[in-house]
Amino acid sequence: MAINQSNEPFTLTAGATFANSDLYKFVAVNSSGHAVIGPTTAAGNIVGTLDSVTATTAGAGVDPVSIRPLTGKSQLFLAASSLSAGNTIAASSNGMGIAPTTDAAALGVIATGSSGTTGRIATVVWIAAGAADV
């Protein structure tokens, strides 16, 4: 039986001003219900990846941003240069894709790309069980 999950973006209020350098990083929800880069707790609380930037420099608590849920496949900003297709991905505290650790569980698998420079963007297929559908 196939399960069809939507990868349509949803909107949250930004918890900070987001620039192009923040695109495709992991996003969590803070205690104010705003989108912030990276997990805010050891458990994660990640709801997706940032899919847009704030419209103004006063974006925190004001501007809406688009979040892509961790279903299907999407783009992710990688922190490690040694990651390539077939490697599993976890979230660093600053929202970038890293190799899983005992404190950071695997959330997806890199679908395309060879190892290269830090800060590149790769396509990831999400495997996160129970990823939030907002």
N, C-alpha and C. Protein backbone atom coordinates (compact mmCIF):
# COMPACT_ATOMS: atom_id res chain seq x y z
N MET A 1 0.83 -1.17 0.00
CA MET A 1 0.00 0.00 0.00
C MET A 1 0.89 1.24 0.00
N ALA A 2 0.65 2.13 -0.90
CA ALA A 2 1.41 3.37 -0.98
C ALA A 2 0.77 4.44 -0.11
N ILE A 3 1.61 5.22 0.54
CA ILE A 3 1.12 6.34 1.34
C ILE A 3 1.52 7.61 0.61
N ASN A 4 0.57 8.47 0.39
CA ASN A 4 0.83 9.70 -0.33
C ASN A 4 0.91 10.86 0.66
N GLN A 5 2.10 11.44 0.84
CA GLN A 5 2.26 12.56 1.75
C GLN A 5 2.51 13.83 0.96
N SER A 6 1.86 14.91 1.38
CA SER A 6 2.02 16.18 0.71
C SER A 6 3.33 16.84 1.09
N ASN A 7 3.97 17.45 0.12
CA ASN A 7 5.20 18.20 0.37
C ASN A 7 4.94 19.68 0.12
N GLU A 8 3.67 20.08 0.19
CA GLU A 8 3.31 21.47 -0.02
C GLU A 8 3.80 22.31 1.14
N PRO A 9 4.40 23.47 0.87
CA PRO A 9 4.87 24.33 1.96
C PRO A 9 3.71 24.89 2.78
N PHE A 10 4.02 25.25 4.02
CA PHE A 10 3.06 25.92 4.88
C PHE A 10 3.74 27.18 5.42
N THR A 11 2.98 28.04 6.06
CA THR A 11 3.49 29.33 6.49
C THR A 11 3.53 29.43 8.01
N LEU A 12 4.63 30.00 8.52
CA LEU A 12 4.76 30.35 9.93
C LEU A 12 5.29 31.78 10.01
N THR A 13 5.06 32.42 11.14
CA THR A 13 5.66 33.74 11.36
C THR A 13 7.14 33.55 11.68
N ALA A 14 7.97 34.37 11.08
CA ALA A 14 9.42 34.28 11.29
C ALA A 14 9.78 34.67 12.72
N GLY A 15 10.71 33.93 13.31
CA GLY A 15 11.21 34.25 14.64
C GLY A 15 12.49 35.06 14.58
N ALA A 16 12.95 35.34 13.36
CA ALA A 16 14.17 36.13 13.12
C ALA A 16 14.07 36.68 11.70
N THR A 17 15.00 37.54 11.34
CA THR A 17 15.10 38.00 9.97
C THR A 17 15.87 36.93 9.20
N PHE A 18 15.30 36.41 8.12
CA PHE A 18 15.92 35.35 7.32
C PHE A 18 16.40 35.89 5.99
N ALA A 19 17.65 35.59 5.64
CA ALA A 19 18.26 36.01 4.38
C ALA A 19 18.45 34.80 3.48
N ASN A 20 18.93 35.03 2.26
CA ASN A 20 19.19 33.94 1.32
C ASN A 20 20.11 32.87 1.91
N SER A 21 21.04 33.27 2.76
CA SER A 21 21.97 32.31 3.37
C SER A 21 21.28 31.36 4.35
N ASP A 22 20.02 31.63 4.70
CA ASP A 22 19.26 30.76 5.59
C ASP A 22 18.38 29.76 4.85
N LEU A 23 18.22 29.96 3.54
CA LEU A 23 17.36 29.06 2.76
C LEU A 23 17.82 27.62 2.87
N TYR A 24 16.85 26.72 2.92
CA TYR A 24 17.05 25.27 2.92
C TYR A 24 17.72 24.75 4.19
N LYS A 25 17.68 25.53 5.26
CA LYS A 25 18.15 25.05 6.55
C LYS A 25 16.96 24.51 7.33
N PHE A 26 17.25 23.63 8.31
CA PHE A 26 16.19 23.09 9.15
C PHE A 26 15.54 24.19 9.97
N VAL A 27 14.23 24.10 10.14
CA VAL A 27 13.45 25.08 10.90
C VAL A 27 12.71 24.36 12.02
N ALA A 28 12.73 24.99 13.19
CA ALA A 28 11.97 24.51 14.34
C ALA A 28 10.99 25.61 14.75
N VAL A 29 10.12 25.29 15.68
CA VAL A 29 9.17 26.27 16.20
C VAL A 29 9.59 26.60 17.63
N ASN A 30 9.73 27.90 17.93
CA ASN A 30 10.12 28.30 19.28
C ASN A 30 8.90 28.42 20.18
N SER A 31 9.11 28.80 21.43
CA SER A 31 8.01 28.87 22.41
C SER A 31 6.97 29.95 22.08
N SER A 32 7.30 30.86 21.19
CA SER A 32 6.35 31.88 20.74
C SER A 32 5.56 31.43 19.52
N GLY A 33 5.85 30.22 19.02
CA GLY A 33 5.18 29.72 17.83
C GLY A 33 5.74 30.26 16.54
N HIS A 34 6.98 30.77 16.59
CA HIS A 34 7.64 31.34 15.41
C HIS A 34 8.69 30.38 14.86
N ALA A 35 8.95 30.50 13.57
CA ALA A 35 9.96 29.70 12.89
C ALA A 35 11.35 30.22 13.24
N VAL A 36 12.24 29.30 13.64
CA VAL A 36 13.64 29.64 13.92
C VAL A 36 14.53 28.59 13.27
N ILE A 37 15.75 28.98 12.94
CA ILE A 37 16.69 28.06 12.31
C ILE A 37 17.23 27.08 13.34
N GLY A 38 17.28 25.81 12.94
CA GLY A 38 17.86 24.77 13.79
C GLY A 38 16.92 24.27 14.86
N PRO A 39 17.22 23.11 15.43
CA PRO A 39 16.41 22.61 16.53
C PRO A 39 16.62 23.49 17.77
N THR A 40 15.57 23.69 18.54
CA THR A 40 15.68 24.53 19.73
C THR A 40 15.78 23.70 21.01
N THR A 41 15.68 22.38 20.87
CA THR A 41 15.83 21.48 22.01
C THR A 41 16.66 20.29 21.58
N ALA A 42 17.14 19.53 22.54
CA ALA A 42 17.91 18.33 22.22
C ALA A 42 17.05 17.33 21.44
N ALA A 43 15.74 17.33 21.70
CA ALA A 43 14.84 16.41 21.02
C ALA A 43 14.59 16.81 19.57
N GLY A 44 14.86 18.05 19.23
CA GLY A 44 14.73 18.45 17.84
C GLY A 44 13.67 19.47 17.53
N ASN A 45 12.42 19.13 17.64
CA ASN A 45 11.25 19.94 17.29
C ASN A 45 11.33 20.59 15.90
N ILE A 46 11.95 19.90 14.97
CA ILE A 46 12.07 20.39 13.59
C ILE A 46 10.79 20.10 12.83
N VAL A 47 10.30 21.10 12.08
CA VAL A 47 9.07 20.93 11.32
C VAL A 47 9.27 20.97 9.82
N GLY A 48 10.47 21.34 9.36
CA GLY A 48 10.72 21.41 7.93
C GLY A 48 11.98 22.17 7.62
N THR A 49 12.07 22.64 6.37
CA THR A 49 13.20 23.45 5.93
C THR A 49 12.69 24.79 5.43
N LEU A 50 13.50 25.83 5.59
CA LEU A 50 13.11 27.18 5.19
C LEU A 50 13.04 27.28 3.67
N ASP A 51 11.91 27.77 3.17
CA ASP A 51 11.67 27.81 1.73
C ASP A 51 11.54 29.24 1.20
N SER A 52 11.63 30.25 2.10
CA SER A 52 11.56 31.65 1.68
C SER A 52 12.28 32.52 2.70
N VAL A 53 12.52 33.75 2.34
CA VAL A 53 13.18 34.70 3.24
C VAL A 53 12.17 35.72 3.74
N THR A 54 12.54 36.49 4.76
CA THR A 54 11.64 37.53 5.25
C THR A 54 11.65 38.71 4.28
N ALA A 55 10.53 39.39 4.23
CA ALA A 55 10.39 40.50 3.29
C ALA A 55 11.11 41.75 3.78
N THR A 56 11.29 41.87 5.08
CA THR A 56 11.91 43.06 5.65
C THR A 56 13.02 42.68 6.62
N THR A 57 13.82 43.63 7.03
CA THR A 57 14.85 43.36 8.03
C THR A 57 14.26 43.32 9.43
N ALA A 58 12.99 43.67 9.56
CA ALA A 58 12.29 43.57 10.84
C ALA A 58 11.39 42.34 10.82
N GLY A 59 11.87 41.25 10.22
CA GLY A 59 11.06 40.06 10.01
C GLY A 59 10.64 39.32 11.25
N ALA A 60 11.40 39.40 12.33
CA ALA A 60 11.11 38.63 13.53
C ALA A 60 9.75 39.00 14.12
N GLY A 61 8.87 38.02 14.21
CA GLY A 61 7.55 38.23 14.78
C GLY A 61 6.60 38.98 13.88
N VAL A 62 7.03 39.28 12.66
CA VAL A 62 6.20 40.08 11.75
C VAL A 62 5.94 39.34 10.43
N ASP A 63 7.01 39.01 9.73
CA ASP A 63 6.88 38.46 8.39
C ASP A 63 6.57 36.96 8.39
N PRO A 64 5.71 36.53 7.48
CA PRO A 64 5.50 35.09 7.30
C PRO A 64 6.62 34.51 6.43
N VAL A 65 6.97 33.25 6.67
CA VAL A 65 7.92 32.55 5.82
C VAL A 65 7.34 31.20 5.44
N SER A 66 7.79 30.69 4.33
CA SER A 66 7.33 29.41 3.81
C SER A 66 8.25 28.30 4.33
N ILE A 67 7.64 27.23 4.84
CA ILE A 67 8.37 26.09 5.38
C ILE A 67 7.99 24.85 4.57
N ARG A 68 8.98 24.09 4.13
CA ARG A 68 8.73 22.84 3.40
C ARG A 68 8.78 21.69 4.41
N PRO A 69 7.69 20.91 4.57
CA PRO A 69 7.69 19.83 5.57
C PRO A 69 8.67 18.72 5.21
N LEU A 70 9.03 17.92 6.21
CA LEU A 70 9.98 16.82 6.01
C LEU A 70 9.26 15.59 5.48
N THR A 71 8.67 15.73 4.31
CA THR A 71 8.03 14.63 3.60
C THR A 71 8.49 14.67 2.15
N GLY A 72 8.49 13.52 1.52
CA GLY A 72 8.92 13.48 0.12
C GLY A 72 10.39 13.83 -0.01
N LYS A 73 10.69 14.82 -0.87
CA LYS A 73 12.07 15.26 -1.04
C LYS A 73 12.11 16.77 -1.14
N SER A 74 13.23 17.34 -0.74
CA SER A 74 13.43 18.78 -0.86
C SER A 74 14.91 19.09 -0.75
N GLN A 75 15.24 20.35 -0.78
CA GLN A 75 16.62 20.81 -0.73
C GLN A 75 17.05 21.01 0.72
N LEU A 76 18.37 20.81 0.98
CA LEU A 76 18.92 21.02 2.31
C LEU A 76 20.32 21.58 2.21
N PHE A 77 20.62 22.57 3.03
CA PHE A 77 21.93 23.20 3.13
C PHE A 77 22.82 22.29 3.97
N LEU A 78 23.96 21.83 3.42
CA LEU A 78 24.83 20.88 4.12
C LEU A 78 25.98 21.57 4.82
N ALA A 79 26.29 21.11 6.03
CA ALA A 79 27.41 21.66 6.79
C ALA A 79 28.71 20.92 6.48
N ALA A 80 28.63 19.64 6.21
CA ALA A 80 29.84 18.83 6.05
C ALA A 80 30.18 18.60 4.59
N SER A 81 31.44 18.73 4.24
CA SER A 81 31.87 18.57 2.85
C SER A 81 31.99 17.11 2.45
N SER A 82 32.05 16.19 3.40
CA SER A 82 32.25 14.78 3.07
C SER A 82 30.94 14.05 2.78
N LEU A 83 29.81 14.70 2.94
CA LEU A 83 28.52 14.06 2.70
C LEU A 83 28.22 13.98 1.22
N SER A 84 27.67 12.82 0.79
CA SER A 84 27.32 12.65 -0.61
C SER A 84 26.11 11.73 -0.73
N ALA A 85 25.69 11.46 -1.95
CA ALA A 85 24.52 10.62 -2.21
C ALA A 85 24.63 9.31 -1.44
N GLY A 86 23.52 8.93 -0.81
CA GLY A 86 23.46 7.71 -0.03
C GLY A 86 23.72 7.89 1.45
N ASN A 87 24.32 9.03 1.84
CA ASN A 87 24.56 9.29 3.26
C ASN A 87 23.27 9.76 3.94
N THR A 88 23.09 9.35 5.19
CA THR A 88 21.96 9.85 5.96
C THR A 88 22.30 11.22 6.53
N ILE A 89 21.26 11.99 6.85
CA ILE A 89 21.39 13.38 7.27
C ILE A 89 20.65 13.61 8.58
N ALA A 90 21.28 14.38 9.46
CA ALA A 90 20.67 14.85 10.69
C ALA A 90 20.77 16.37 10.71
N ALA A 91 20.26 17.01 11.77
CA ALA A 91 20.27 18.46 11.87
C ALA A 91 21.30 18.94 12.87
N SER A 92 22.10 19.92 12.47
CA SER A 92 23.02 20.57 13.40
C SER A 92 22.27 21.64 14.17
N SER A 93 22.87 22.17 15.22
CA SER A 93 22.22 23.20 16.02
C SER A 93 21.99 24.50 15.24
N ASN A 94 22.73 24.68 14.13
CA ASN A 94 22.52 25.88 13.31
C ASN A 94 21.72 25.58 12.04
N GLY A 95 21.00 24.45 12.04
CA GLY A 95 20.05 24.15 10.98
C GLY A 95 20.59 23.51 9.73
N MET A 96 21.87 23.16 9.71
CA MET A 96 22.45 22.53 8.51
C MET A 96 22.44 21.01 8.61
N GLY A 97 22.53 20.37 7.45
CA GLY A 97 22.59 18.93 7.41
C GLY A 97 23.97 18.43 7.80
N ILE A 98 24.00 17.46 8.72
CA ILE A 98 25.24 16.85 9.18
C ILE A 98 25.07 15.34 9.21
N ALA A 99 26.15 14.61 9.42
CA ALA A 99 26.06 13.17 9.62
C ALA A 99 25.38 12.91 10.96
N PRO A 100 24.53 11.90 11.06
CA PRO A 100 23.85 11.61 12.32
C PRO A 100 24.85 11.31 13.44
N THR A 101 24.48 11.64 14.66
CA THR A 101 25.28 11.38 15.86
C THR A 101 24.36 10.77 16.91
N THR A 102 24.90 10.47 18.08
CA THR A 102 24.05 9.95 19.15
C THR A 102 23.03 10.99 19.61
N ASP A 103 23.31 12.27 19.39
CA ASP A 103 22.39 13.34 19.78
C ASP A 103 21.54 13.86 18.63
N ALA A 104 21.81 13.42 17.42
CA ALA A 104 21.09 13.91 16.24
C ALA A 104 20.71 12.73 15.35
N ALA A 105 19.43 12.37 15.38
CA ALA A 105 18.95 11.22 14.62
C ALA A 105 18.88 11.49 13.12
N ALA A 106 18.96 10.43 12.32
CA ALA A 106 18.84 10.54 10.87
C ALA A 106 17.43 10.96 10.51
N LEU A 107 17.32 11.97 9.65
CA LEU A 107 16.03 12.47 9.20
C LEU A 107 15.79 12.22 7.71
N GLY A 108 16.87 11.98 6.96
CA GLY A 108 16.74 11.80 5.53
C GLY A 108 17.99 11.21 4.93
N VAL A 109 17.94 10.99 3.62
CA VAL A 109 19.06 10.42 2.86
C VAL A 109 19.34 11.34 1.68
N ILE A 110 20.60 11.67 1.45
CA ILE A 110 20.96 12.48 0.29
C ILE A 110 20.69 11.68 -0.97
N ALA A 111 19.91 12.26 -1.88
CA ALA A 111 19.53 11.56 -3.10
C ALA A 111 20.48 11.84 -4.26
N THR A 112 21.05 13.04 -4.31
CA THR A 112 21.94 13.38 -5.41
C THR A 112 23.12 14.19 -4.88
N GLY A 113 24.23 14.04 -5.54
CA GLY A 113 25.40 14.86 -5.22
C GLY A 113 26.56 14.08 -4.69
N SER A 114 27.75 14.56 -5.00
CA SER A 114 28.97 13.97 -4.48
C SER A 114 29.54 14.89 -3.42
N SER A 115 30.51 14.39 -2.67
CA SER A 115 31.10 15.24 -1.63
C SER A 115 31.71 16.47 -2.29
N GLY A 116 31.78 17.54 -1.56
CA GLY A 116 32.27 18.79 -2.11
C GLY A 116 32.44 19.82 -1.03
N THR A 117 32.15 21.04 -1.35
CA THR A 117 32.38 22.12 -0.40
C THR A 117 31.31 22.17 0.69
N THR A 118 31.70 22.68 1.83
CA THR A 118 30.75 22.95 2.90
C THR A 118 29.83 24.06 2.44
N GLY A 119 28.55 23.96 2.80
CA GLY A 119 27.60 24.99 2.43
C GLY A 119 26.89 24.76 1.12
N ARG A 120 27.06 23.59 0.50
CA ARG A 120 26.33 23.34 -0.73
C ARG A 120 24.94 22.83 -0.42
N ILE A 121 24.09 22.84 -1.41
CA ILE A 121 22.70 22.42 -1.25
C ILE A 121 22.52 21.10 -1.98
N ALA A 122 21.90 20.13 -1.28
CA ALA A 122 21.68 18.81 -1.86
C ALA A 122 20.19 18.47 -1.81
N THR A 123 19.78 17.54 -2.66
CA THR A 123 18.42 17.01 -2.61
C THR A 123 18.38 15.87 -1.61
N VAL A 124 17.44 15.93 -0.69
CA VAL A 124 17.31 14.92 0.36
C VAL A 124 15.92 14.29 0.29
N VAL A 125 15.87 12.97 0.44
CA VAL A 125 14.61 12.25 0.57
C VAL A 125 14.40 12.03 2.06
N TRP A 126 13.27 12.51 2.59
CA TRP A 126 13.02 12.48 4.03
C TRP A 126 12.52 11.13 4.49
N ILE A 127 13.07 10.66 5.59
CA ILE A 127 12.66 9.38 6.17
C ILE A 127 12.13 9.59 7.58
N ALA A 128 12.01 10.84 8.00
CA ALA A 128 11.60 11.14 9.39
C ALA A 128 10.21 10.61 9.66
N ALA A 129 10.11 9.69 10.60
CA ALA A 129 8.82 9.15 11.01
C ALA A 129 8.11 10.19 11.87
N GLY A 130 6.87 10.44 11.55
CA GLY A 130 6.09 11.37 12.37
C GLY A 130 6.45 12.82 12.18
N ALA A 131 7.07 13.18 11.06
CA ALA A 131 7.37 14.59 10.82
C ALA A 131 6.09 15.39 10.85
N ALA A 132 6.15 16.54 11.42
CA ALA A 132 4.93 17.34 11.64
C ALA A 132 4.29 17.75 10.31
N ASP A 133 3.01 17.57 10.22
CA ASP A 133 2.19 18.07 9.11
C ASP A 133 1.37 19.20 9.67
N VAL A 134 1.76 20.42 9.37
CA VAL A 134 1.06 21.58 9.93
C VAL A 134 0.05 22.08 8.93
